[in-house]
């Protein structure tokens, strides 16, 4: 939703973190491949690859040079990704916690972003239901 606001370094960092988050269960599902394709389109970056992703969260984050707005965008997008399959498992939580720690975001701020993500998801479902009536 907000990835177009990122410069190339932030886009590449987001891509690495998104792939890392998706791979926490050991595989990439067809739905997750679709999500990754939509990220590529939003970021206008067809050159990004799943195979060439770093797994060093600290390095990825340090290369992104994040300000407070970018940190919120990053975590919103990653929380949305984690919630997208309605299976927010322990590995995803641990990965998000590691990213949260690496960017220096408080638990309160992450919780607020998670709440916004849930509310937005609920509104989208309501809108889809309304349109389908």
N, C-alpha and C. Protein backbone atom coordinates (compact mmCIF):
# COMPACT_ATOMS: atom_id res chain seq x y z
N UNK A 1 0.81 -1.19 0.00
CA UNK A 1 0.00 0.00 0.00
C UNK A 1 0.87 1.27 0.00
N UNK A 2 1.97 1.23 0.75
CA UNK A 2 2.84 2.41 0.87
C UNK A 2 4.24 2.18 0.32
N UNK A 3 4.47 1.04 -0.30
CA UNK A 3 5.82 0.68 -0.74
C UNK A 3 6.38 1.61 -1.81
N UNK A 4 5.50 2.28 -2.54
CA UNK A 4 5.97 3.20 -3.57
C UNK A 4 6.67 4.43 -2.97
N UNK A 5 6.54 4.63 -1.67
CA UNK A 5 7.22 5.74 -1.00
C UNK A 5 8.69 5.41 -0.68
N UNK A 6 9.06 4.15 -0.82
CA UNK A 6 10.43 3.73 -0.52
C UNK A 6 11.36 4.01 -1.70
N UNK A 7 12.62 4.36 -1.38
CA UNK A 7 13.65 4.43 -2.41
C UNK A 7 14.12 3.00 -2.69
N UNK A 8 15.03 2.85 -3.64
CA UNK A 8 15.45 1.49 -4.04
C UNK A 8 16.07 0.69 -2.90
N UNK A 9 16.87 1.31 -2.05
CA UNK A 9 17.49 0.58 -0.94
C UNK A 9 16.43 0.06 0.03
N UNK A 10 15.43 0.86 0.30
CA UNK A 10 14.35 0.44 1.20
C UNK A 10 13.49 -0.65 0.55
N UNK A 11 13.26 -0.52 -0.74
CA UNK A 11 12.49 -1.54 -1.46
C UNK A 11 13.21 -2.89 -1.41
N UNK A 12 14.52 -2.88 -1.66
CA UNK A 12 15.28 -4.12 -1.61
C UNK A 12 15.29 -4.71 -0.21
N UNK A 13 15.43 -3.85 0.79
CA UNK A 13 15.39 -4.32 2.17
C UNK A 13 14.04 -4.91 2.52
N UNK A 14 12.97 -4.21 2.13
CA UNK A 14 11.63 -4.74 2.38
C UNK A 14 11.46 -6.09 1.72
N UNK A 15 11.89 -6.20 0.47
CA UNK A 15 11.77 -7.47 -0.27
C UNK A 15 12.47 -8.61 0.50
N UNK A 16 13.69 -8.37 0.95
CA UNK A 16 14.42 -9.39 1.70
C UNK A 16 13.68 -9.79 2.96
N UNK A 17 13.15 -8.80 3.69
CA UNK A 17 12.44 -9.10 4.94
C UNK A 17 11.11 -9.81 4.66
N UNK A 18 10.42 -9.42 3.60
CA UNK A 18 9.16 -10.08 3.25
C UNK A 18 9.39 -11.55 2.89
N UNK A 19 10.42 -11.80 2.08
CA UNK A 19 10.73 -13.19 1.70
C UNK A 19 11.14 -13.98 2.94
N UNK A 20 11.95 -13.38 3.78
CA UNK A 20 12.36 -14.04 5.02
C UNK A 20 11.13 -14.40 5.87
N UNK A 21 10.20 -13.48 5.98
CA UNK A 21 8.97 -13.73 6.76
C UNK A 21 8.14 -14.84 6.14
N UNK A 22 8.00 -14.81 4.83
CA UNK A 22 7.22 -15.85 4.14
C UNK A 22 7.86 -17.22 4.30
N UNK A 23 9.18 -17.27 4.28
CA UNK A 23 9.88 -18.55 4.35
C UNK A 23 9.96 -19.12 5.77
N UNK A 24 9.40 -18.46 6.77
CA UNK A 24 9.51 -18.97 8.13
C UNK A 24 8.90 -20.35 8.30
N UNK A 25 7.93 -20.69 7.45
CA UNK A 25 7.35 -22.03 7.55
C UNK A 25 8.02 -23.03 6.61
N UNK A 26 9.10 -22.61 5.95
CA UNK A 26 9.88 -23.51 5.14
C UNK A 26 9.49 -23.60 3.68
N UNK A 27 8.41 -22.92 3.28
CA UNK A 27 7.99 -22.99 1.88
C UNK A 27 7.28 -21.69 1.48
N UNK A 28 7.13 -21.51 0.19
CA UNK A 28 6.39 -20.37 -0.33
C UNK A 28 5.18 -20.92 -1.07
N UNK A 29 3.99 -20.62 -0.56
CA UNK A 29 2.75 -21.13 -1.15
C UNK A 29 2.42 -20.35 -2.43
N UNK A 30 1.53 -20.89 -3.25
CA UNK A 30 1.09 -20.14 -4.44
C UNK A 30 0.50 -18.77 -4.09
N UNK A 31 -0.27 -18.68 -3.00
CA UNK A 31 -0.82 -17.39 -2.57
C UNK A 31 0.29 -16.42 -2.21
N UNK A 32 1.31 -16.92 -1.52
CA UNK A 32 2.44 -16.07 -1.13
C UNK A 32 3.23 -15.62 -2.36
N UNK A 33 3.34 -16.49 -3.37
CA UNK A 33 3.99 -16.09 -4.62
C UNK A 33 3.21 -14.94 -5.27
N UNK A 34 1.90 -15.01 -5.18
CA UNK A 34 1.06 -13.94 -5.71
C UNK A 34 1.27 -12.62 -4.98
N UNK A 35 1.40 -12.71 -3.67
CA UNK A 35 1.66 -11.52 -2.85
C UNK A 35 3.00 -10.91 -3.24
N UNK A 36 4.01 -11.76 -3.39
CA UNK A 36 5.33 -11.27 -3.78
C UNK A 36 5.29 -10.60 -5.16
N UNK A 37 4.52 -11.16 -6.06
CA UNK A 37 4.37 -10.56 -7.39
C UNK A 37 3.72 -9.19 -7.29
N UNK A 38 2.73 -9.06 -6.41
CA UNK A 38 2.08 -7.76 -6.25
C UNK A 38 3.04 -6.74 -5.64
N UNK A 39 3.91 -7.19 -4.74
CA UNK A 39 4.94 -6.28 -4.19
C UNK A 39 5.86 -5.79 -5.31
N UNK A 40 6.29 -6.71 -6.17
CA UNK A 40 7.17 -6.32 -7.28
C UNK A 40 6.49 -5.25 -8.14
N UNK A 41 5.21 -5.47 -8.44
CA UNK A 41 4.48 -4.52 -9.27
C UNK A 41 4.36 -3.17 -8.56
N UNK A 42 3.99 -3.18 -7.29
CA UNK A 42 3.84 -1.93 -6.54
C UNK A 42 5.16 -1.16 -6.47
N UNK A 43 6.25 -1.89 -6.30
CA UNK A 43 7.55 -1.24 -6.16
C UNK A 43 8.23 -0.99 -7.51
N UNK A 44 7.59 -1.49 -8.59
CA UNK A 44 8.16 -1.38 -9.94
C UNK A 44 9.57 -1.94 -9.97
N UNK A 45 9.70 -3.18 -9.44
CA UNK A 45 11.01 -3.84 -9.34
C UNK A 45 10.90 -5.30 -9.78
N UNK A 46 10.88 -5.53 -11.07
CA UNK A 46 10.81 -6.90 -11.59
C UNK A 46 12.11 -7.67 -11.40
N UNK A 47 13.17 -6.97 -11.02
CA UNK A 47 14.49 -7.59 -10.89
C UNK A 47 14.68 -8.35 -9.58
N UNK A 48 13.75 -8.24 -8.65
CA UNK A 48 13.92 -8.87 -7.34
C UNK A 48 13.67 -10.37 -7.42
N UNK A 49 14.47 -11.13 -6.68
CA UNK A 49 14.42 -12.59 -6.73
C UNK A 49 14.30 -13.17 -5.33
N UNK A 50 13.57 -14.25 -5.23
CA UNK A 50 13.41 -14.95 -3.96
C UNK A 50 14.71 -15.67 -3.59
N UNK A 51 15.41 -16.16 -4.59
CA UNK A 51 16.61 -16.96 -4.36
C UNK A 51 17.79 -16.14 -3.83
N UNK A 52 17.83 -14.87 -4.14
CA UNK A 52 19.00 -14.06 -3.79
C UNK A 52 18.79 -13.20 -2.55
N UNK A 53 17.95 -13.63 -1.64
CA UNK A 53 17.62 -12.82 -0.47
C UNK A 53 18.56 -13.10 0.70
N UNK A 54 18.91 -12.03 1.37
CA UNK A 54 19.72 -12.12 2.58
C UNK A 54 18.83 -12.55 3.75
N UNK A 55 19.43 -13.19 4.73
CA UNK A 55 18.71 -13.56 5.94
C UNK A 55 19.24 -12.84 7.17
N UNK A 56 20.14 -11.91 6.97
CA UNK A 56 20.75 -11.15 8.07
C UNK A 56 19.91 -9.90 8.35
N UNK A 57 18.99 -10.02 9.28
CA UNK A 57 18.05 -8.94 9.57
C UNK A 57 18.77 -7.65 9.93
N UNK A 58 19.76 -7.73 10.78
CA UNK A 58 20.49 -6.53 11.21
C UNK A 58 21.12 -5.81 10.02
N UNK A 59 21.75 -6.55 9.13
CA UNK A 59 22.38 -5.95 7.95
C UNK A 59 21.35 -5.36 7.01
N UNK A 60 20.27 -6.10 6.77
CA UNK A 60 19.21 -5.60 5.88
C UNK A 60 18.69 -4.27 6.40
N UNK A 61 18.38 -4.22 7.69
CA UNK A 61 17.82 -3.02 8.30
C UNK A 61 18.82 -1.87 8.25
N UNK A 62 20.07 -2.14 8.56
CA UNK A 62 21.06 -1.05 8.56
C UNK A 62 21.25 -0.48 7.15
N UNK A 63 21.14 -1.31 6.13
CA UNK A 63 21.28 -0.84 4.74
C UNK A 63 20.07 -0.01 4.28
N UNK A 64 18.96 -0.12 4.99
CA UNK A 64 17.74 0.58 4.58
C UNK A 64 17.71 2.05 5.00
N UNK A 65 18.47 2.44 6.01
CA UNK A 65 18.50 3.82 6.49
C UNK A 65 17.08 4.34 6.74
N UNK A 66 16.42 3.75 7.73
CA UNK A 66 15.01 4.03 8.00
C UNK A 66 14.80 5.22 8.92
N UNK A 67 13.90 6.11 8.54
CA UNK A 67 13.43 7.14 9.46
C UNK A 67 12.15 6.62 10.11
N UNK A 68 11.53 7.40 10.98
CA UNK A 68 10.37 6.89 11.72
C UNK A 68 9.20 6.55 10.80
N UNK A 69 8.97 7.35 9.76
CA UNK A 69 7.89 7.05 8.82
C UNK A 69 8.16 5.75 8.09
N UNK A 70 9.38 5.57 7.63
CA UNK A 70 9.75 4.35 6.91
C UNK A 70 9.64 3.12 7.80
N UNK A 71 9.97 3.26 9.07
CA UNK A 71 9.83 2.15 10.01
C UNK A 71 8.37 1.73 10.14
N UNK A 72 7.48 2.72 10.21
CA UNK A 72 6.05 2.41 10.32
C UNK A 72 5.53 1.74 9.05
N UNK A 73 5.95 2.26 7.90
CA UNK A 73 5.54 1.64 6.64
C UNK A 73 6.05 0.20 6.57
N UNK A 74 7.32 0.01 6.87
CA UNK A 74 7.92 -1.32 6.83
C UNK A 74 7.14 -2.30 7.71
N UNK A 75 6.91 -1.92 8.96
CA UNK A 75 6.25 -2.85 9.87
C UNK A 75 4.78 -3.03 9.53
N UNK A 76 4.12 -1.99 9.05
CA UNK A 76 2.72 -2.16 8.61
C UNK A 76 2.66 -3.19 7.49
N UNK A 77 3.51 -3.04 6.50
CA UNK A 77 3.51 -3.96 5.36
C UNK A 77 3.84 -5.39 5.80
N UNK A 78 4.79 -5.54 6.71
CA UNK A 78 5.17 -6.89 7.16
C UNK A 78 4.10 -7.51 8.05
N UNK A 79 3.48 -6.71 8.91
CA UNK A 79 2.38 -7.23 9.73
C UNK A 79 1.22 -7.65 8.83
N UNK A 80 0.91 -6.83 7.82
CA UNK A 80 -0.14 -7.20 6.87
C UNK A 80 0.17 -8.51 6.18
N UNK A 81 1.42 -8.69 5.81
CA UNK A 81 1.85 -9.93 5.18
C UNK A 81 1.68 -11.11 6.14
N UNK A 82 2.09 -10.93 7.38
CA UNK A 82 1.99 -12.01 8.37
C UNK A 82 0.53 -12.40 8.61
N UNK A 83 -0.36 -11.41 8.58
CA UNK A 83 -1.79 -11.67 8.82
C UNK A 83 -2.52 -12.15 7.57
N UNK A 84 -1.90 -12.07 6.40
CA UNK A 84 -2.61 -12.30 5.14
C UNK A 84 -3.19 -13.70 5.00
N UNK A 85 -2.54 -14.69 5.57
CA UNK A 85 -3.05 -16.05 5.45
C UNK A 85 -3.82 -16.49 6.69
N UNK A 86 -4.08 -15.57 7.60
CA UNK A 86 -4.82 -15.82 8.83
C UNK A 86 -4.14 -16.85 9.73
N UNK A 87 -2.91 -17.18 9.46
CA UNK A 87 -2.13 -18.09 10.29
C UNK A 87 -0.89 -17.35 10.79
N UNK A 88 -1.04 -16.67 11.89
CA UNK A 88 0.06 -15.88 12.46
C UNK A 88 0.77 -16.78 13.46
N UNK A 89 1.71 -17.59 12.96
CA UNK A 89 2.33 -18.61 13.81
C UNK A 89 3.53 -18.07 14.59
N UNK A 90 4.06 -18.92 15.43
CA UNK A 90 5.17 -18.56 16.31
C UNK A 90 6.40 -18.09 15.53
N UNK A 91 6.73 -18.77 14.44
CA UNK A 91 7.90 -18.38 13.65
C UNK A 91 7.73 -16.98 13.06
N UNK A 92 6.52 -16.68 12.58
CA UNK A 92 6.27 -15.33 12.05
C UNK A 92 6.39 -14.29 13.15
N UNK A 93 5.84 -14.60 14.31
CA UNK A 93 5.95 -13.68 15.45
C UNK A 93 7.40 -13.42 15.82
N UNK A 94 8.18 -14.48 15.88
CA UNK A 94 9.59 -14.34 16.24
C UNK A 94 10.36 -13.52 15.21
N UNK A 95 10.06 -13.74 13.94
CA UNK A 95 10.71 -12.98 12.88
C UNK A 95 10.33 -11.51 12.95
N UNK A 96 9.04 -11.24 13.14
CA UNK A 96 8.60 -9.84 13.28
C UNK A 96 9.23 -9.19 14.51
N UNK A 97 9.34 -9.93 15.59
CA UNK A 97 9.97 -9.39 16.81
C UNK A 97 11.44 -9.04 16.55
N UNK A 98 12.12 -9.90 15.80
CA UNK A 98 13.53 -9.63 15.48
C UNK A 98 13.66 -8.38 14.61
N UNK A 99 12.76 -8.21 13.67
CA UNK A 99 12.78 -7.01 12.82
C UNK A 99 12.43 -5.79 13.66
N UNK A 100 11.41 -5.92 14.50
CA UNK A 100 11.02 -4.82 15.39
C UNK A 100 12.20 -4.38 16.24
N UNK A 101 12.91 -5.33 16.80
CA UNK A 101 14.07 -5.01 17.63
C UNK A 101 15.16 -4.33 16.80
N UNK A 102 15.39 -4.85 15.60
CA UNK A 102 16.45 -4.30 14.74
C UNK A 102 16.18 -2.85 14.34
N UNK A 103 14.91 -2.49 14.18
CA UNK A 103 14.61 -1.10 13.79
C UNK A 103 14.35 -0.21 15.00
N UNK A 104 14.31 -0.79 16.20
CA UNK A 104 14.11 0.00 17.41
C UNK A 104 12.69 0.48 17.61
N UNK A 105 11.71 -0.34 17.23
CA UNK A 105 10.31 0.03 17.40
C UNK A 105 9.78 -0.55 18.71
N UNK A 106 9.00 0.25 19.43
CA UNK A 106 8.45 -0.19 20.71
C UNK A 106 7.32 -1.20 20.52
N UNK A 107 7.05 -1.97 21.57
CA UNK A 107 5.93 -2.91 21.55
C UNK A 107 4.61 -2.17 21.34
N UNK A 108 4.49 -0.99 21.94
CA UNK A 108 3.25 -0.22 21.82
C UNK A 108 3.00 0.20 20.38
N UNK A 109 4.06 0.64 19.71
CA UNK A 109 3.91 1.07 18.32
C UNK A 109 3.57 -0.11 17.41
N UNK A 110 4.22 -1.24 17.63
CA UNK A 110 3.91 -2.43 16.83
C UNK A 110 2.48 -2.87 17.08
N UNK A 111 2.05 -2.83 18.32
CA UNK A 111 0.68 -3.20 18.66
C UNK A 111 -0.33 -2.28 17.97
N UNK A 112 -0.02 -1.00 17.93
CA UNK A 112 -0.89 -0.04 17.26
C UNK A 112 -0.99 -0.35 15.76
N UNK A 113 0.14 -0.64 15.14
CA UNK A 113 0.14 -0.99 13.72
C UNK A 113 -0.65 -2.28 13.47
N UNK A 114 -0.51 -3.25 14.36
CA UNK A 114 -1.27 -4.50 14.23
C UNK A 114 -2.76 -4.23 14.35
N UNK A 115 -3.16 -3.34 15.26
CA UNK A 115 -4.57 -2.98 15.41
C UNK A 115 -5.10 -2.32 14.14
N UNK A 116 -4.33 -1.38 13.59
CA UNK A 116 -4.74 -0.72 12.34
C UNK A 116 -4.87 -1.74 11.21
N UNK A 117 -3.95 -2.68 11.17
CA UNK A 117 -3.98 -3.70 10.13
C UNK A 117 -5.24 -4.55 10.24
N UNK A 118 -5.57 -4.96 11.44
CA UNK A 118 -6.79 -5.75 11.66
C UNK A 118 -8.04 -4.95 11.26
N UNK A 119 -8.10 -3.69 11.71
CA UNK A 119 -9.25 -2.85 11.38
C UNK A 119 -9.40 -2.66 9.88
N UNK A 120 -8.30 -2.40 9.20
CA UNK A 120 -8.35 -2.23 7.75
C UNK A 120 -8.82 -3.51 7.06
N UNK A 121 -8.33 -4.63 7.52
CA UNK A 121 -8.73 -5.91 6.96
C UNK A 121 -10.23 -6.14 7.15
N UNK A 122 -10.73 -5.84 8.34
CA UNK A 122 -12.16 -5.99 8.61
C UNK A 122 -12.99 -5.07 7.72
N UNK A 123 -12.53 -3.84 7.54
CA UNK A 123 -13.24 -2.90 6.66
C UNK A 123 -13.27 -3.39 5.22
N UNK A 124 -12.16 -3.93 4.75
CA UNK A 124 -12.11 -4.46 3.39
C UNK A 124 -13.08 -5.61 3.21
N UNK A 125 -13.17 -6.48 4.20
CA UNK A 125 -14.11 -7.60 4.14
C UNK A 125 -15.54 -7.08 4.11
N UNK A 126 -15.84 -6.11 4.96
CA UNK A 126 -17.19 -5.51 4.99
C UNK A 126 -17.52 -4.88 3.63
N UNK A 127 -16.57 -4.16 3.06
CA UNK A 127 -16.79 -3.52 1.78
C UNK A 127 -17.03 -4.56 0.69
N UNK A 128 -16.23 -5.62 0.67
CA UNK A 128 -16.42 -6.68 -0.31
C UNK A 128 -17.80 -7.30 -0.16
N UNK A 129 -18.23 -7.55 1.07
CA UNK A 129 -19.56 -8.11 1.31
C UNK A 129 -20.64 -7.16 0.81
N UNK A 130 -20.49 -5.88 1.11
CA UNK A 130 -21.47 -4.89 0.68
C UNK A 130 -21.56 -4.81 -0.84
N UNK A 131 -20.42 -4.81 -1.50
CA UNK A 131 -20.40 -4.73 -2.95
C UNK A 131 -21.04 -5.97 -3.57
N UNK A 132 -20.86 -7.11 -2.92
CA UNK A 132 -21.38 -8.37 -3.46
C UNK A 132 -22.88 -8.56 -3.20
N UNK A 133 -23.50 -7.71 -2.43
CA UNK A 133 -24.94 -7.87 -2.13
C UNK A 133 -25.79 -7.75 -3.38
